[in-house]
Amino acid sequence: MSEYGDPISPEQIEVAVEKAISLRRAEPGLSLDERVHRAVAETICACVLEIEDDLERRLSGSHDELLREVRRRVTRRLADAAPAARSDEVDEASEESFPASDPPGWIWEVPRQPDEKEMA
């Protein structure tokens, strides 16, 4: 975690991105903004962001830009993962249906003896 005066590192931003994505799985009811806010709050020391917020009496420019960057990266990462997930679904369905051209299995049964009426 950063402390007041420390720069926010690219590694911390990536940790916030990963947390926001993991919150998507853990708490699917949260909006993207709620996940991003929570992930940033858990990753970057409050003293770094809240002091500026208090001084500006609103969300500071630094805090707002950090949230935007994390949101942008999360959105991009999820968009990049979406085609792979669809491809996995198609591959799985294809594997489950293979081989589709096999004939149905033969079921063995005892041949029936014709009765007297059929023999006449």
N, C-alpha and C. Protein backbone atom coordinates (compact mmCIF):
# COMPACT_ATOMS: atom_id res chain seq x y z
N MET A 1 0.82 -1.19 0.00
CA MET A 1 0.00 0.00 0.00
C MET A 1 0.86 1.24 0.00
N SER A 2 0.35 2.26 -0.67
CA SER A 2 1.06 3.54 -0.69
C SER A 2 0.81 4.29 0.60
N GLU A 3 1.72 5.13 0.91
CA GLU A 3 1.54 6.05 2.01
C GLU A 3 1.55 7.45 1.44
N TYR A 4 1.13 8.43 2.23
CA TYR A 4 1.05 9.79 1.73
C TYR A 4 2.39 10.22 1.14
N GLY A 5 2.35 10.77 -0.04
CA GLY A 5 3.56 11.24 -0.70
C GLY A 5 4.19 10.21 -1.61
N ASP A 6 3.85 8.93 -1.47
CA ASP A 6 4.39 7.90 -2.35
C ASP A 6 3.66 7.96 -3.70
N PRO A 7 4.39 7.76 -4.77
CA PRO A 7 3.70 7.68 -6.07
C PRO A 7 2.90 6.38 -6.16
N ILE A 8 1.86 6.42 -6.93
CA ILE A 8 1.06 5.21 -7.16
C ILE A 8 1.72 4.48 -8.32
N SER A 9 2.11 3.24 -8.06
CA SER A 9 2.88 2.48 -9.04
C SER A 9 1.97 1.75 -10.02
N PRO A 10 2.50 1.44 -11.21
CA PRO A 10 1.74 0.63 -12.16
C PRO A 10 1.35 -0.73 -11.57
N GLU A 11 2.21 -1.26 -10.69
CA GLU A 11 1.91 -2.54 -10.07
C GLU A 11 0.67 -2.43 -9.17
N GLN A 12 0.53 -1.32 -8.45
CA GLN A 12 -0.63 -1.13 -7.59
C GLN A 12 -1.90 -1.00 -8.44
N ILE A 13 -1.79 -0.34 -9.57
CA ILE A 13 -2.94 -0.22 -10.46
C ILE A 13 -3.36 -1.60 -10.95
N GLU A 14 -2.40 -2.43 -11.31
CA GLU A 14 -2.72 -3.80 -11.75
C GLU A 14 -3.34 -4.63 -10.64
N VAL A 15 -2.88 -4.44 -9.40
CA VAL A 15 -3.48 -5.14 -8.27
C VAL A 15 -4.93 -4.71 -8.12
N ALA A 16 -5.20 -3.41 -8.28
CA ALA A 16 -6.58 -2.92 -8.19
C ALA A 16 -7.44 -3.50 -9.31
N VAL A 17 -6.87 -3.62 -10.50
CA VAL A 17 -7.60 -4.21 -11.63
C VAL A 17 -7.96 -5.66 -11.31
N GLU A 18 -6.99 -6.42 -10.83
CA GLU A 18 -7.24 -7.82 -10.47
C GLU A 18 -8.30 -7.94 -9.38
N LYS A 19 -8.24 -7.05 -8.39
CA LYS A 19 -9.25 -7.08 -7.32
C LYS A 19 -10.63 -6.78 -7.86
N ALA A 20 -10.73 -5.81 -8.76
CA ALA A 20 -12.03 -5.47 -9.34
C ALA A 20 -12.60 -6.64 -10.14
N ILE A 21 -11.73 -7.33 -10.86
CA ILE A 21 -12.18 -8.49 -11.63
C ILE A 21 -12.59 -9.62 -10.70
N SER A 22 -11.85 -9.83 -9.64
CA SER A 22 -12.22 -10.90 -8.70
C SER A 22 -13.52 -10.56 -7.97
N LEU A 23 -13.78 -9.29 -7.73
CA LEU A 23 -15.05 -8.89 -7.13
C LEU A 23 -16.22 -9.17 -8.06
N ARG A 24 -15.96 -9.16 -9.34
CA ARG A 24 -17.02 -9.48 -10.32
C ARG A 24 -17.53 -10.90 -10.09
N ARG A 25 -16.59 -11.82 -9.83
CA ARG A 25 -16.97 -13.21 -9.58
C ARG A 25 -17.54 -13.38 -8.18
N ALA A 26 -16.94 -12.70 -7.20
CA ALA A 26 -17.34 -12.87 -5.81
C ALA A 26 -18.67 -12.19 -5.49
N GLU A 27 -18.90 -11.03 -6.09
CA GLU A 27 -20.12 -10.27 -5.82
C GLU A 27 -20.70 -9.76 -7.13
N PRO A 28 -21.35 -10.63 -7.89
CA PRO A 28 -21.84 -10.25 -9.22
C PRO A 28 -22.89 -9.15 -9.20
N GLY A 29 -23.49 -8.86 -8.06
CA GLY A 29 -24.51 -7.82 -7.99
C GLY A 29 -23.94 -6.41 -7.98
N LEU A 30 -22.64 -6.27 -7.75
CA LEU A 30 -22.02 -4.95 -7.71
C LEU A 30 -21.87 -4.40 -9.12
N SER A 31 -22.04 -3.10 -9.27
CA SER A 31 -21.80 -2.46 -10.56
C SER A 31 -20.29 -2.36 -10.79
N LEU A 32 -19.92 -2.07 -12.02
CA LEU A 32 -18.50 -1.91 -12.35
C LEU A 32 -17.90 -0.79 -11.51
N ASP A 33 -18.60 0.33 -11.38
CA ASP A 33 -18.08 1.45 -10.59
C ASP A 33 -17.89 1.07 -9.12
N GLU A 34 -18.84 0.31 -8.56
CA GLU A 34 -18.71 -0.11 -7.17
C GLU A 34 -17.50 -1.03 -6.99
N ARG A 35 -17.30 -1.94 -7.94
CA ARG A 35 -16.14 -2.84 -7.86
C ARG A 35 -14.84 -2.06 -7.96
N VAL A 36 -14.79 -1.10 -8.89
CA VAL A 36 -13.57 -0.31 -9.08
C VAL A 36 -13.29 0.53 -7.83
N HIS A 37 -14.31 1.19 -7.29
CA HIS A 37 -14.11 2.00 -6.09
C HIS A 37 -13.59 1.14 -4.94
N ARG A 38 -14.19 -0.03 -4.75
CA ARG A 38 -13.76 -0.90 -3.65
C ARG A 38 -12.34 -1.40 -3.88
N ALA A 39 -12.03 -1.80 -5.09
CA ALA A 39 -10.69 -2.32 -5.38
C ALA A 39 -9.63 -1.26 -5.16
N VAL A 40 -9.90 -0.03 -5.60
CA VAL A 40 -8.94 1.06 -5.40
C VAL A 40 -8.79 1.35 -3.91
N ALA A 41 -9.90 1.38 -3.19
CA ALA A 41 -9.84 1.66 -1.75
C ALA A 41 -9.04 0.59 -1.00
N GLU A 42 -9.14 -0.67 -1.46
CA GLU A 42 -8.41 -1.76 -0.79
C GLU A 42 -6.94 -1.83 -1.22
N THR A 43 -6.61 -1.17 -2.32
CA THR A 43 -5.25 -1.26 -2.85
C THR A 43 -4.40 -0.04 -2.50
N ILE A 44 -4.99 1.13 -2.61
CA ILE A 44 -4.26 2.38 -2.39
C ILE A 44 -4.65 2.93 -1.03
N CYS A 45 -3.66 3.26 -0.23
CA CYS A 45 -3.92 3.76 1.12
C CYS A 45 -4.87 4.95 1.08
N ALA A 46 -5.85 4.95 1.93
CA ALA A 46 -6.82 6.03 1.98
C ALA A 46 -6.14 7.37 2.22
N CYS A 47 -5.03 7.36 2.95
CA CYS A 47 -4.37 8.63 3.24
C CYS A 47 -3.87 9.30 1.96
N VAL A 48 -3.58 8.51 0.93
CA VAL A 48 -3.09 9.07 -0.33
C VAL A 48 -4.21 9.80 -1.06
N LEU A 49 -5.39 9.20 -1.10
CA LEU A 49 -6.48 9.75 -1.89
C LEU A 49 -7.40 10.65 -1.08
N GLU A 50 -7.69 10.28 0.14
CA GLU A 50 -8.68 11.02 0.92
C GLU A 50 -8.20 12.40 1.35
N ILE A 51 -6.92 12.59 1.55
CA ILE A 51 -6.42 13.92 1.91
C ILE A 51 -6.70 14.89 0.77
N GLU A 52 -6.40 14.47 -0.46
CA GLU A 52 -6.68 15.34 -1.61
C GLU A 52 -8.18 15.55 -1.76
N ASP A 53 -8.97 14.49 -1.57
CA ASP A 53 -10.43 14.61 -1.67
C ASP A 53 -10.93 15.64 -0.64
N ASP A 54 -10.41 15.55 0.58
CA ASP A 54 -10.83 16.48 1.64
C ASP A 54 -10.43 17.91 1.30
N LEU A 55 -9.22 18.09 0.78
CA LEU A 55 -8.77 19.43 0.43
C LEU A 55 -9.62 20.04 -0.69
N GLU A 56 -9.98 19.22 -1.68
CA GLU A 56 -10.76 19.72 -2.81
C GLU A 56 -12.26 19.69 -2.52
N ARG A 57 -12.64 19.07 -1.40
CA ARG A 57 -14.03 18.94 -0.99
C ARG A 57 -14.89 18.22 -2.03
N ARG A 58 -14.26 17.33 -2.72
CA ARG A 58 -14.90 16.47 -3.72
C ARG A 58 -13.89 15.41 -4.11
N LEU A 59 -14.25 14.54 -5.02
CA LEU A 59 -13.31 13.54 -5.52
C LEU A 59 -12.17 14.28 -6.22
N SER A 60 -10.97 14.11 -5.74
CA SER A 60 -9.84 14.85 -6.30
C SER A 60 -9.55 14.40 -7.73
N GLY A 61 -8.84 15.22 -8.45
CA GLY A 61 -8.46 14.87 -9.82
C GLY A 61 -7.63 13.60 -9.86
N SER A 62 -6.73 13.43 -8.92
CA SER A 62 -5.88 12.23 -8.88
C SER A 62 -6.72 10.99 -8.62
N HIS A 63 -7.64 11.10 -7.67
CA HIS A 63 -8.50 9.97 -7.31
C HIS A 63 -9.41 9.62 -8.49
N ASP A 64 -9.99 10.64 -9.11
CA ASP A 64 -10.88 10.42 -10.26
C ASP A 64 -10.11 9.77 -11.42
N GLU A 65 -8.93 10.23 -11.70
CA GLU A 65 -8.14 9.67 -12.80
C GLU A 65 -7.71 8.24 -12.51
N LEU A 66 -7.38 7.96 -11.27
CA LEU A 66 -7.03 6.59 -10.89
C LEU A 66 -8.22 5.66 -11.09
N LEU A 67 -9.41 6.08 -10.67
CA LEU A 67 -10.61 5.28 -10.87
C LEU A 67 -10.87 5.05 -12.36
N ARG A 68 -10.70 6.09 -13.16
CA ARG A 68 -10.91 5.95 -14.61
C ARG A 68 -9.94 4.95 -15.23
N GLU A 69 -8.68 5.03 -14.81
CA GLU A 69 -7.67 4.12 -15.37
C GLU A 69 -7.96 2.67 -14.98
N VAL A 70 -8.31 2.45 -13.74
CA VAL A 70 -8.63 1.08 -13.31
C VAL A 70 -9.86 0.59 -14.06
N ARG A 71 -10.90 1.41 -14.17
CA ARG A 71 -12.12 1.04 -14.89
C ARG A 71 -11.80 0.72 -16.36
N ARG A 72 -10.97 1.54 -16.99
CA ARG A 72 -10.59 1.32 -18.39
C ARG A 72 -9.88 -0.02 -18.57
N ARG A 73 -8.96 -0.31 -17.66
CA ARG A 73 -8.21 -1.58 -17.76
C ARG A 73 -9.10 -2.79 -17.49
N VAL A 74 -10.00 -2.67 -16.53
CA VAL A 74 -10.92 -3.77 -16.24
C VAL A 74 -11.81 -4.03 -17.45
N THR A 75 -12.36 -2.96 -18.01
CA THR A 75 -13.24 -3.08 -19.18
C THR A 75 -12.50 -3.74 -20.34
N ARG A 76 -11.28 -3.30 -20.59
CA ARG A 76 -10.49 -3.87 -21.68
C ARG A 76 -10.17 -5.35 -21.42
N ARG A 77 -9.79 -5.67 -20.21
CA ARG A 77 -9.45 -7.06 -19.89
C ARG A 77 -10.67 -7.97 -20.04
N LEU A 78 -11.83 -7.51 -19.59
CA LEU A 78 -13.05 -8.31 -19.72
C LEU A 78 -13.45 -8.46 -21.19
N ALA A 79 -13.28 -7.40 -21.97
CA ALA A 79 -13.61 -7.48 -23.40
C ALA A 79 -12.67 -8.45 -24.12
N ASP A 80 -11.41 -8.44 -23.75
CA ASP A 80 -10.43 -9.35 -24.36
C ASP A 80 -10.74 -10.80 -23.99
N ALA A 81 -11.26 -11.01 -22.79
CA ALA A 81 -11.55 -12.37 -22.33
C ALA A 81 -12.85 -12.92 -22.92
N ALA A 82 -13.76 -12.06 -23.33
CA ALA A 82 -15.07 -12.50 -23.82
C ALA A 82 -14.97 -13.40 -25.06
N PRO A 83 -14.20 -13.05 -26.11
CA PRO A 83 -14.11 -13.95 -27.26
C PRO A 83 -13.52 -15.32 -26.90
N ALA A 84 -12.57 -15.33 -25.99
CA ALA A 84 -11.97 -16.60 -25.57
C ALA A 84 -13.00 -17.46 -24.86
N ALA A 85 -13.85 -16.84 -24.04
CA ALA A 85 -14.89 -17.60 -23.33
C ALA A 85 -15.89 -18.19 -24.31
N ARG A 86 -16.30 -17.40 -25.33
CA ARG A 86 -17.24 -17.91 -26.33
C ARG A 86 -16.59 -19.05 -27.10
N SER A 87 -15.32 -18.91 -27.44
CA SER A 87 -14.61 -19.96 -28.17
C SER A 87 -14.55 -21.23 -27.35
N ASP A 88 -14.31 -21.09 -26.05
CA ASP A 88 -14.27 -22.26 -25.16
C ASP A 88 -15.61 -22.98 -25.14
N GLU A 89 -16.71 -22.22 -25.14
CA GLU A 89 -18.04 -22.83 -25.13
C GLU A 89 -18.28 -23.64 -26.41
N VAL A 90 -17.86 -23.08 -27.55
CA VAL A 90 -18.02 -23.77 -28.83
C VAL A 90 -17.17 -25.03 -28.85
N ASP A 91 -15.92 -24.92 -28.41
CA ASP A 91 -15.04 -26.08 -28.40
C ASP A 91 -15.60 -27.18 -27.49
N GLU A 92 -16.12 -26.79 -26.34
CA GLU A 92 -16.67 -27.78 -25.41
C GLU A 92 -17.89 -28.47 -26.01
N ALA A 93 -18.77 -27.70 -26.62
CA ALA A 93 -19.96 -28.30 -27.24
C ALA A 93 -19.55 -29.24 -28.37
N SER A 94 -18.54 -28.86 -29.12
CA SER A 94 -18.07 -29.70 -30.22
C SER A 94 -17.49 -31.01 -29.68
N GLU A 95 -16.71 -30.91 -28.62
CA GLU A 95 -16.12 -32.12 -28.04
C GLU A 95 -17.20 -33.05 -27.48
N GLU A 96 -18.23 -32.46 -26.87
CA GLU A 96 -19.29 -33.28 -26.29
C GLU A 96 -20.12 -33.98 -27.35
N SER A 97 -20.19 -33.42 -28.54
CA SER A 97 -21.02 -34.02 -29.59
C SER A 97 -20.22 -34.97 -30.48
N PHE A 98 -18.92 -35.08 -30.29
CA PHE A 98 -18.08 -35.89 -31.14
C PHE A 98 -18.18 -37.36 -30.74
N PRO A 99 -18.17 -38.30 -31.60
CA PRO A 99 -18.37 -38.15 -33.05
C PRO A 99 -19.86 -38.19 -33.36
N ALA A 100 -20.34 -37.21 -34.02
CA ALA A 100 -21.77 -37.10 -34.32
C ALA A 100 -22.20 -38.08 -35.40
N SER A 101 -21.26 -38.60 -36.19
CA SER A 101 -21.63 -39.46 -37.31
C SER A 101 -21.69 -40.95 -36.95
N ASP A 102 -21.40 -41.29 -35.72
CA ASP A 102 -21.46 -42.70 -35.33
C ASP A 102 -22.90 -43.20 -35.42
N PRO A 103 -23.08 -44.41 -35.94
CA PRO A 103 -24.44 -44.96 -35.99
C PRO A 103 -24.90 -45.31 -34.57
N PRO A 104 -26.20 -45.40 -34.36
CA PRO A 104 -26.67 -45.78 -33.03
C PRO A 104 -26.22 -47.20 -32.70
N GLY A 105 -26.07 -47.44 -31.44
CA GLY A 105 -25.62 -48.76 -31.01
C GLY A 105 -26.66 -49.84 -31.31
N TRP A 106 -26.18 -51.07 -31.57
CA TRP A 106 -27.07 -52.19 -31.84
C TRP A 106 -27.48 -52.79 -30.52
N ILE A 107 -28.75 -53.03 -30.38
CA ILE A 107 -29.25 -53.62 -29.14
C ILE A 107 -29.60 -55.07 -29.43
N TRP A 108 -28.97 -55.95 -28.73
CA TRP A 108 -29.18 -57.38 -28.93
C TRP A 108 -30.47 -57.79 -28.28
N GLU A 109 -31.24 -58.59 -29.01
CA GLU A 109 -32.44 -59.17 -28.42
C GLU A 109 -32.60 -60.58 -28.94
N VAL A 110 -33.28 -61.40 -28.17
CA VAL A 110 -33.50 -62.79 -28.54
C VAL A 110 -34.52 -62.81 -29.68
N PRO A 111 -34.22 -63.54 -30.78
CA PRO A 111 -35.18 -63.60 -31.88
C PRO A 111 -36.47 -64.27 -31.42
N ARG A 112 -37.54 -63.71 -31.88
CA ARG A 112 -38.84 -64.21 -31.49
C ARG A 112 -39.18 -65.41 -32.37
N GLN A 113 -39.75 -66.44 -31.79
CA GLN A 113 -40.19 -67.61 -32.53
C GLN A 113 -41.56 -67.32 -33.14
N PRO A 114 -41.72 -67.56 -34.44
CA PRO A 114 -43.04 -67.31 -35.03
C PRO A 114 -44.06 -68.27 -34.45
N ASP A 115 -45.26 -67.77 -34.24
CA ASP A 115 -46.31 -68.66 -33.73
C ASP A 115 -46.94 -69.41 -34.90
N GLU A 116 -47.85 -70.32 -34.61
CA GLU A 116 -48.43 -71.20 -35.63
C GLU A 116 -49.20 -70.44 -36.70
N LYS A 117 -49.88 -69.34 -36.34
CA LYS A 117 -50.64 -68.58 -37.30
C LYS A 117 -49.73 -67.94 -38.34
N GLU A 118 -48.58 -67.48 -37.91
CA GLU A 118 -47.65 -66.84 -38.83
C GLU A 118 -47.02 -67.86 -39.77
N MET A 119 -46.91 -69.13 -39.36
CA MET A 119 -46.27 -70.15 -40.17
C MET A 119 -47.22 -70.67 -41.24
N ALA A 120 -48.50 -70.51 -41.07
CA ALA A 120 -49.46 -71.07 -42.03
C ALA A 120 -49.66 -70.22 -43.22
